[in-house]
Amino acid sequence: MSTDTSTMKRDYYETLGVEKGAAPDAIKKAFRKLAMECHPDRHPGDKTAEQRFKDLNEAYDVLKDEQKRAAYDRFGHAAFENGGMGRGGAQGFAGGGFDFTDIFDEMFGEFMGGGRRGQPARGRGADLRFNMEISLEEAYHGKQATIRVPTSVACESCNGSGGEKGAQPITCPACHGHGKVRATQGFFTIERTCAACHGAGKVIEKACKTCKGSGRTAKEKTLQVAIPAGVEDGTRIRLAGEGEAGMNGGPAGDLYIFISLSAHRLFQREGAAVYCRVPIAMATAALGGHIEIPTIDGSKAKVQVPAGTQTGQQIRLKGKGMSVLRSPARGDMFVEIAVETPANLTRKQRELLEQFDAESQANAKTSPESQGFFARVKEFLDSGRG
């Protein structure tokens, strides 16, 4: 079971290089640009680039979602700590929230006799959090996972009662069975939960030697978890009653499993859509042709590249994207073309390119965009405004 760390995270807006009030389209554009620049395929073996890629995905996952972004703008990274749940499983924002129960406990806990923090004799067990990282393929197909969770379980020696066999509870001598004690402070009389019996009014005279009267012992549980197909980053799965055992036979808490998706070397996911950047040779882009690429389901797709394809053009493959949670539908896959400039030319290749360039100068239709741009530059300079 993983725990939260106290390390400082970089601001998500700073990570993506955008202003706090940036429009969703600007955030998406910034993410796509930076993700392409530091994609692991472009920096093989560079752990720094790989971490940067993960940070970009984490930041974009929050800022692209209206509710998550609102929570982050208000509370910062604290909005997604501790699973966004208070004691008893109260939820905050979807995919992560802010724990308001701690604030109320701190403000009113002592005045109200301990509030939520006062554990009764048969108190409910604490909720647990387990962070699970899965691959994009596992998110597509779904999976059965086996996890080990360190937790507290009902003591086998006393069956969770906290007392020796045959031991009967007696009236608490501290509060005389009321479960609360009173103290006068100036004009106020403050009532608090009894620290000796935790509000039960009774205590175990002979505590269980195994659990020391708590009714539970530490143990590692092995659980089977079904991860549904189409699960997204930040999804929370609740396993009722699989948290810590309650005090002295009280009900167990819940186990919350938080899903995170590891960065993929080929694909990027946006909801149900999958994007794949595919570099192609200049000749293929100019003349057209076919390329074969993998898809997220493990199969291969044959893609036709039209003649004259430019860098940045996207080719859509319907139904080749991610599974949709609790639905038979599938998203689409988008192949983003990157035309590769030839390098390490042979003498013959250089001669052919020089011949091609010479003939292109006489044909404005060969490179209409670049020739049109430089024609406008010439007009601008000739006009005397340069």
Protein backbone atom coordinates (compact mmCIF):
# COMPACT_ATOMS: atom_id res chain seq x y z
CA MET A 1 0.00 0.00 0.00
CA SER A 2 1.45 3.30 -1.01
CA THR A 3 1.34 6.42 1.14
CA ASP A 4 1.24 10.11 0.32
CA THR A 5 4.55 11.92 0.26
CA SER A 6 5.27 15.45 1.39
CA THR A 7 7.42 16.41 -1.57
CA MET A 8 6.51 19.63 -3.32
CA LYS A 9 4.94 19.23 -6.73
CA ARG A 10 5.42 21.67 -9.58
CA ASP A 11 2.43 23.83 -10.44
CA TYR A 12 0.37 22.16 -13.20
CA TYR A 13 0.00 25.40 -15.18
CA GLU A 14 3.75 25.94 -15.00
CA THR A 15 4.33 22.35 -16.12
CA LEU A 16 2.29 22.98 -19.29
CA GLY A 17 3.63 26.52 -19.74
CA VAL A 18 0.22 28.23 -19.71
CA GLU A 19 -1.43 30.98 -17.68
CA LYS A 20 -3.89 30.05 -14.93
CA GLY A 21 -6.82 31.47 -16.90
CA ALA A 22 -5.86 29.72 -20.14
CA ALA A 23 -8.68 28.41 -22.33
CA PRO A 24 -9.13 24.62 -22.67
CA ASP A 25 -7.97 24.74 -26.31
CA ALA A 26 -4.76 26.54 -25.29
CA ILE A 27 -4.08 23.95 -22.58
CA LYS A 28 -4.65 21.11 -25.03
CA LYS A 29 -2.39 22.72 -27.64
CA ALA A 30 0.40 23.29 -25.10
CA PHE A 31 0.17 19.70 -23.89
CA ARG A 32 0.29 18.21 -27.38
CA LYS A 33 3.33 20.31 -28.28
CA LEU A 34 5.32 19.53 -25.12
CA ALA A 35 4.34 15.85 -25.09
CA MET A 36 5.60 15.47 -28.63
CA GLU A 37 8.88 17.21 -27.77
CA CYS A 38 9.72 14.98 -24.80
CA HIS A 39 8.06 11.76 -25.99
CA PRO A 40 10.18 8.73 -24.89
CA ASP A 41 10.52 7.62 -28.52
CA ARG A 42 12.42 10.81 -29.30
CA HIS A 43 14.71 10.44 -26.27
CA PRO A 44 15.43 6.72 -25.87
CA GLY A 45 17.06 5.91 -22.54
CA ASP A 46 16.57 9.45 -21.18
CA LYS A 47 14.92 9.06 -17.76
CA THR A 48 14.54 12.83 -17.41
CA ALA A 49 12.45 13.02 -20.58
CA GLU A 50 10.38 10.04 -19.45
CA GLN A 51 9.62 11.70 -16.10
CA ARG A 52 8.83 14.98 -17.86
CA PHE A 53 6.40 13.08 -20.10
CA LYS A 54 4.68 11.60 -17.04
CA ASP A 55 4.46 15.03 -15.36
CA LEU A 56 2.85 16.50 -18.50
CA ASN A 57 0.24 13.73 -18.60
CA GLU A 58 -0.54 14.21 -14.89
CA ALA A 59 -0.95 17.97 -15.27
CA TYR A 60 -3.10 17.67 -18.41
CA ASP A 61 -5.33 15.01 -16.83
CA VAL A 62 -6.31 17.54 -14.13
CA LEU A 63 -6.52 20.74 -16.18
CA LYS A 64 -8.54 19.25 -19.05
CA ASP A 65 -11.32 18.24 -16.63
CA GLU A 66 -13.59 21.10 -15.55
CA GLN A 67 -14.28 19.75 -12.04
CA LYS A 68 -10.71 18.67 -11.35
CA ARG A 69 -9.41 22.02 -12.58
CA ALA A 70 -11.84 23.92 -10.35
CA ALA A 71 -10.70 21.88 -7.36
CA TYR A 72 -7.04 22.44 -8.23
CA ASP A 73 -7.51 26.19 -8.73
CA ARG A 74 -9.03 26.44 -5.27
CA PHE A 75 -6.98 24.00 -3.21
CA GLY A 76 -3.89 23.21 -5.30
CA HIS A 77 -2.38 19.73 -5.03
CA ALA A 78 -4.15 19.21 -1.69
CA ALA A 79 -7.39 18.67 -3.65
CA PHE A 80 -6.16 15.23 -4.72
CA GLU A 81 -4.40 13.98 -1.61
CA ASN A 82 -5.69 11.12 0.58
CA GLY A 83 -8.10 10.06 -2.14
CA GLY A 84 -10.40 13.01 -1.54
CA MET A 85 -12.30 11.10 1.15
CA GLY A 86 -12.88 11.71 4.79
CA ARG A 87 -13.42 9.11 7.46
CA GLY A 88 -16.41 7.03 6.58
CA GLY A 89 -15.84 7.35 2.83
CA ALA A 90 -17.31 10.81 2.16
CA GLN A 91 -16.42 11.80 -1.37
CA GLY A 92 -15.09 15.10 -2.72
CA PHE A 93 -14.67 15.96 -6.38
CA ALA A 94 -14.80 13.14 -8.94
CA GLY A 95 -11.42 11.51 -9.51
CA GLY A 96 -9.99 13.11 -6.35
CA GLY A 97 -11.28 15.65 -3.85
CA PHE A 98 -10.59 17.77 -0.80
CA ASP A 99 -11.13 16.34 2.66
CA PHE A 100 -13.39 18.85 4.42
CA THR A 101 -13.94 16.58 7.44
CA ASP A 102 -10.45 17.32 8.75
CA ILE A 103 -11.25 21.05 8.79
CA PHE A 104 -14.45 20.54 10.80
CA ASP A 105 -12.70 18.14 13.16
CA GLU A 106 -9.97 20.66 13.89
CA MET A 107 -12.44 23.52 14.44
CA PHE A 108 -15.15 21.73 16.44
CA GLY A 109 -13.72 18.37 17.51
CA GLU A 110 -12.73 19.31 21.05
CA PHE A 111 -15.81 21.46 21.67
CA MET A 112 -18.18 18.69 20.52
CA GLY A 113 -16.60 16.02 22.63
CA GLY A 114 -14.06 14.71 20.18
CA GLY A 115 -16.28 14.73 17.08
CA ARG A 116 -15.26 12.26 14.42
CA ARG A 117 -11.90 11.67 16.02
CA GLY A 118 -13.35 10.14 19.15
CA GLN A 119 -13.37 6.38 18.54
CA PRO A 120 -16.20 4.56 20.35
CA ALA A 121 -15.62 1.12 21.81
CA ARG A 122 -17.11 -0.46 18.68
CA GLY A 123 -15.66 2.12 16.33
CA ARG A 124 -15.68 1.66 12.57
CA GLY A 125 -12.33 0.69 11.07
CA ALA A 126 -10.33 3.19 9.06
CA ASP A 127 -10.62 3.38 5.27
CA LEU A 128 -7.51 2.39 3.36
CA ARG A 129 -6.05 3.61 0.09
CA PHE A 130 -4.11 1.50 -2.42
CA ASN A 131 -2.47 3.07 -5.48
CA MET A 132 -2.33 0.80 -8.53
CA GLU A 133 -0.50 1.61 -11.76
CA ILE A 134 -1.59 -0.25 -14.87
CA SER A 135 -0.58 -0.11 -18.53
CA LEU A 136 -2.70 1.38 -21.31
CA GLU A 137 -3.22 -2.12 -22.72
CA GLU A 138 -4.56 -3.31 -19.34
CA ALA A 139 -6.89 -0.32 -19.23
CA TYR A 140 -8.13 -1.27 -22.71
CA HIS A 141 -8.72 -4.97 -21.98
CA GLY A 142 -9.46 -4.80 -18.24
CA LYS A 143 -7.74 -7.21 -15.86
CA GLN A 144 -7.96 -9.30 -12.72
CA ALA A 145 -5.30 -8.07 -10.29
CA THR A 146 -3.99 -9.63 -7.09
CA ILE A 147 -2.95 -7.13 -4.45
CA ARG A 148 -1.45 -7.39 -0.98
CA VAL A 149 -2.67 -4.88 1.58
CA PRO A 150 -1.15 -4.42 5.07
CA THR A 151 -4.13 -3.86 7.36
CA SER A 152 -5.74 -4.71 10.68
CA VAL A 153 -8.08 -7.68 10.97
CA ALA A 154 -10.32 -8.98 13.75
CA CYS A 155 -8.29 -10.76 16.42
CA GLU A 156 -8.71 -14.52 16.10
CA SER A 157 -8.05 -15.13 19.80
CA CYS A 158 -10.98 -13.06 21.05
CA ASN A 159 -13.07 -12.87 17.84
CA GLY A 160 -12.71 -9.11 17.90
CA SER A 161 -14.19 -8.57 21.37
CA GLY A 162 -10.93 -7.37 22.89
CA GLY A 163 -11.37 -9.46 26.06
CA GLU A 164 -10.10 -12.78 27.35
CA LYS A 165 -12.40 -15.72 26.82
CA GLY A 166 -15.29 -15.44 29.26
CA ALA A 167 -14.34 -11.92 30.33
CA GLN A 168 -17.32 -9.64 30.83
CA PRO A 169 -17.29 -5.86 30.35
CA ILE A 170 -17.62 -3.76 33.49
CA THR A 171 -18.79 -0.19 34.09
CA CYS A 172 -16.07 2.31 33.25
CA PRO A 173 -14.68 3.72 36.52
CA ALA A 174 -13.63 6.98 34.86
CA CYS A 175 -17.05 8.09 33.57
CA HIS A 176 -19.23 5.75 35.68
CA GLY A 177 -20.89 4.33 32.59
CA HIS A 178 -21.89 7.65 30.96
CA GLY A 179 -19.30 7.45 28.18
CA LYS A 180 -18.52 11.15 28.60
CA VAL A 181 -16.79 13.32 31.16
CA ARG A 182 -17.45 16.97 31.92
CA ALA A 183 -15.02 19.77 32.71
CA THR A 184 -15.76 23.38 33.62
CA GLN A 185 -13.68 26.09 31.96
CA GLY A 186 -14.76 29.59 33.02
CA PHE A 187 -18.41 30.08 31.99
CA PHE A 188 -18.43 26.91 29.88
CA THR A 189 -19.00 23.30 30.77
CA ILE A 190 -17.32 21.15 28.16
CA GLU A 191 -18.32 17.54 27.63
CA ARG A 192 -15.76 15.19 26.13
CA THR A 193 -15.74 11.53 25.15
CA CYS A 194 -14.30 9.44 27.93
CA ALA A 195 -10.68 8.56 27.11
CA ALA A 196 -10.82 5.35 29.16
CA CYS A 197 -13.79 3.65 27.47
CA HIS A 198 -13.90 5.73 24.25
CA GLY A 199 -17.56 6.55 24.83
CA ALA A 200 -18.86 3.01 25.46
CA GLY A 201 -19.42 3.38 29.18
CA LYS A 202 -17.88 -0.03 29.74
CA VAL A 203 -14.38 -1.45 29.65
CA ILE A 204 -12.94 -4.96 29.36
CA GLU A 205 -11.64 -6.05 32.75
CA LYS A 206 -9.34 -8.71 31.33
CA ALA A 207 -7.92 -7.63 27.99
CA CYS A 208 -7.01 -10.18 25.33
CA LYS A 209 -3.29 -10.93 25.52
CA THR A 210 -2.99 -11.20 21.74
CA CYS A 211 -4.51 -7.86 20.73
CA LYS A 212 -4.07 -6.02 24.07
CA GLY A 213 -7.78 -5.29 24.20
CA SER A 214 -8.09 -3.59 20.82
CA GLY A 215 -9.92 -6.50 19.18
CA ARG A 216 -7.68 -6.50 16.11
CA THR A 217 -4.23 -7.50 14.94
CA ALA A 218 -1.95 -6.48 12.05
CA LYS A 219 -2.01 -8.73 8.99
CA GLU A 220 -1.41 -8.59 5.24
CA LYS A 221 -4.48 -9.46 3.19
CA THR A 222 -4.42 -10.80 -0.37
CA LEU A 223 -7.33 -9.60 -2.49
CA GLN A 224 -8.55 -10.08 -6.05
CA VAL A 225 -9.57 -6.88 -7.82
CA ALA A 226 -11.49 -6.66 -11.11
CA ILE A 227 -10.30 -3.70 -13.20
CA PRO A 228 -13.00 -2.94 -15.81
CA ALA A 229 -12.13 -2.31 -19.46
CA GLY A 230 -12.02 1.40 -20.32
CA VAL A 231 -10.92 2.54 -16.86
CA GLU A 232 -9.36 6.02 -16.87
CA ASP A 233 -6.50 7.58 -14.98
CA GLY A 234 -7.69 8.67 -11.50
CA THR A 235 -10.59 6.20 -11.32
CA ARG A 236 -11.42 5.08 -7.79
CA ILE A 237 -12.65 1.56 -7.05
CA ARG A 238 -14.29 0.88 -3.67
CA LEU A 239 -14.09 -2.50 -1.96
CA ALA A 240 -16.62 -2.35 0.88
CA GLY A 241 -15.49 -3.86 4.20
CA GLU A 242 -11.92 -4.49 3.05
CA GLY A 243 -10.38 -1.66 5.10
CA GLU A 244 -9.12 -1.92 8.65
CA ALA A 245 -11.14 -3.98 11.14
CA GLY A 246 -13.22 -1.99 13.62
CA MET A 247 -12.27 -1.53 17.25
CA ASN A 248 -13.65 -4.18 19.59
CA GLY A 249 -15.81 -5.87 16.96
CA GLY A 250 -16.93 -2.71 15.17
CA PRO A 251 -17.57 -2.69 11.39
CA ALA A 252 -14.59 -2.70 9.05
CA GLY A 253 -13.70 0.30 6.89
CA ASP A 254 -13.50 0.28 3.11
CA LEU A 255 -10.55 -0.11 0.75
CA TYR A 256 -10.24 2.45 -2.05
CA ILE A 257 -8.09 1.56 -5.05
CA PHE A 258 -6.86 4.51 -7.09
CA ILE A 259 -5.93 3.72 -10.69
CA SER A 260 -3.12 5.50 -12.53
CA LEU A 261 -2.01 4.75 -16.09
CA SER A 262 1.67 4.44 -16.93
CA ALA A 263 3.00 6.42 -19.91
CA HIS A 264 2.97 4.44 -23.17
CA ARG A 265 5.88 4.44 -25.62
CA LEU A 266 3.66 4.68 -28.70
CA PHE A 267 0.23 5.95 -27.75
CA GLN A 268 -1.30 8.92 -25.97
CA ARG A 269 -4.82 8.75 -24.61
CA GLU A 270 -7.46 11.47 -24.44
CA GLY A 271 -10.68 10.00 -23.11
CA ALA A 272 -11.64 7.23 -25.53
CA ALA A 273 -9.38 8.57 -28.29
CA VAL A 274 -5.86 7.25 -28.88
CA TYR A 275 -3.16 9.29 -30.66
CA CYS A 276 -0.05 7.89 -32.30
CA ARG A 277 2.73 9.99 -33.82
CA VAL A 278 4.13 8.20 -36.89
CA PRO A 279 7.27 9.47 -38.68
CA ILE A 280 7.31 8.69 -42.43
CA ALA A 281 9.89 9.17 -45.16
CA MET A 282 9.74 12.33 -47.26
CA ALA A 283 9.25 10.28 -50.43
CA THR A 284 6.25 8.45 -48.92
CA ALA A 285 4.70 11.74 -47.86
CA ALA A 286 5.22 13.24 -51.33
CA LEU A 287 4.21 10.24 -53.43
CA GLY A 288 1.73 8.59 -51.09
CA GLY A 289 1.77 4.98 -50.01
CA HIS A 290 0.81 2.56 -47.27
CA ILE A 291 2.17 2.12 -43.77
CA GLU A 292 1.37 -0.55 -41.18
CA ILE A 293 0.99 0.48 -37.56
CA PRO A 294 0.03 -1.30 -34.30
CA THR A 295 -3.24 -0.56 -32.50
CA ILE A 296 -4.05 -0.64 -28.79
CA ASP A 297 -5.91 -3.96 -29.09
CA GLY A 298 -2.70 -5.70 -30.24
CA SER A 299 -3.61 -5.97 -33.93
CA LYS A 300 -2.12 -4.09 -36.89
CA ALA A 301 -3.79 -1.56 -39.15
CA LYS A 302 -2.86 -0.71 -42.74
CA VAL A 303 -3.03 3.05 -43.28
CA GLN A 304 -3.09 4.78 -46.66
CA VAL A 305 -1.01 7.95 -46.78
CA PRO A 306 -2.31 10.40 -49.41
CA ALA A 307 0.20 12.00 -51.81
CA GLY A 308 1.33 15.41 -50.58
CA THR A 309 0.79 14.64 -46.88
CA GLN A 310 2.24 17.28 -44.55
CA THR A 311 3.60 17.09 -41.02
CA GLY A 312 0.79 17.40 -38.47
CA GLN A 313 -1.92 15.91 -40.66
CA GLN A 314 -4.06 13.32 -38.89
CA ILE A 315 -5.56 10.15 -40.28
CA ARG A 316 -8.57 8.83 -38.37
CA LEU A 317 -9.12 5.11 -37.77
CA LYS A 318 -12.69 4.63 -36.55
CA GLY A 319 -13.23 2.20 -33.69
CA LYS A 320 -9.50 1.63 -33.10
CA GLY A 321 -9.27 3.67 -29.91
CA MET A 322 -9.90 2.85 -26.24
CA SER A 323 -12.70 0.81 -24.76
CA VAL A 324 -15.46 2.88 -23.18
CA LEU A 325 -16.19 2.11 -19.53
CA ARG A 326 -19.30 -0.05 -19.09
CA SER A 327 -20.06 0.10 -22.81
CA PRO A 328 -19.32 -2.05 -25.88
CA ALA A 329 -18.32 1.11 -27.77
CA ARG A 330 -14.76 2.01 -28.74
CA GLY A 331 -13.17 5.36 -29.42
CA ASP A 332 -11.16 6.30 -32.50
CA MET A 333 -7.44 6.27 -33.18
CA PHE A 334 -5.69 9.26 -34.74
CA VAL A 335 -2.44 8.76 -36.64
CA GLU A 336 -0.48 12.02 -36.58
CA ILE A 337 2.01 12.23 -39.44
CA ALA A 338 5.55 13.59 -38.97
CA VAL A 339 7.45 13.92 -42.26
CA GLU A 340 11.12 13.08 -41.69
CA THR A 341 13.78 15.13 -43.48
CA PRO A 342 16.42 12.85 -45.08
CA ALA A 343 19.78 12.70 -43.29
CA ASN A 344 23.13 11.00 -43.94
CA LEU A 345 22.66 11.22 -47.71
CA THR A 346 24.73 9.23 -50.17
CA ARG A 347 26.35 11.04 -53.07
CA LYS A 348 23.71 9.73 -55.43
CA GLN A 349 20.87 10.81 -53.13
CA ARG A 350 22.34 14.30 -52.81
CA GLU A 351 22.63 14.62 -56.60
CA LEU A 352 19.02 13.55 -57.04
CA LEU A 353 17.81 16.00 -54.40
CA GLU A 354 19.79 18.83 -55.96
CA GLN A 355 18.21 18.01 -59.31
CA PHE A 356 14.79 17.88 -57.65
CA ASP A 357 15.40 21.25 -55.99
CA ALA A 358 16.48 22.86 -59.26
CA GLU A 359 13.34 21.71 -61.03
CA SER A 360 11.17 22.73 -58.06
CA GLN A 361 12.34 26.34 -58.37
CA ALA A 362 10.60 26.56 -61.72
CA ASN A 363 7.37 24.97 -60.49
CA ALA A 364 5.51 26.98 -57.85
CA LYS A 365 3.06 24.14 -57.37
CA THR A 366 5.70 21.82 -55.91
CA SER A 367 6.00 23.75 -52.61
CA PRO A 368 3.10 26.22 -52.72
CA GLU A 369 3.12 27.04 -49.01
CA SER A 370 6.81 27.94 -48.71
CA GLN A 371 6.93 29.76 -52.05
CA GLY A 372 3.79 31.70 -51.16
CA PHE A 373 5.28 32.69 -47.80
CA PHE A 374 8.53 34.01 -49.28
CA ALA A 375 6.58 35.85 -51.97
CA ARG A 376 4.70 37.69 -49.19
CA VAL A 377 8.01 38.39 -47.43
CA LYS A 378 9.39 39.98 -50.62
CA GLU A 379 6.29 42.14 -51.00
CA PHE A 380 6.60 43.26 -47.39
CA LEU A 381 10.26 44.24 -47.77
CA ASP A 382 9.69 45.93 -51.12
CA SER A 383 6.91 48.04 -49.65
CA GLY A 384 9.47 49.77 -47.40
CA ARG A 385 7.83 48.73 -44.15
CA GLY A 386 10.67 46.41 -43.24
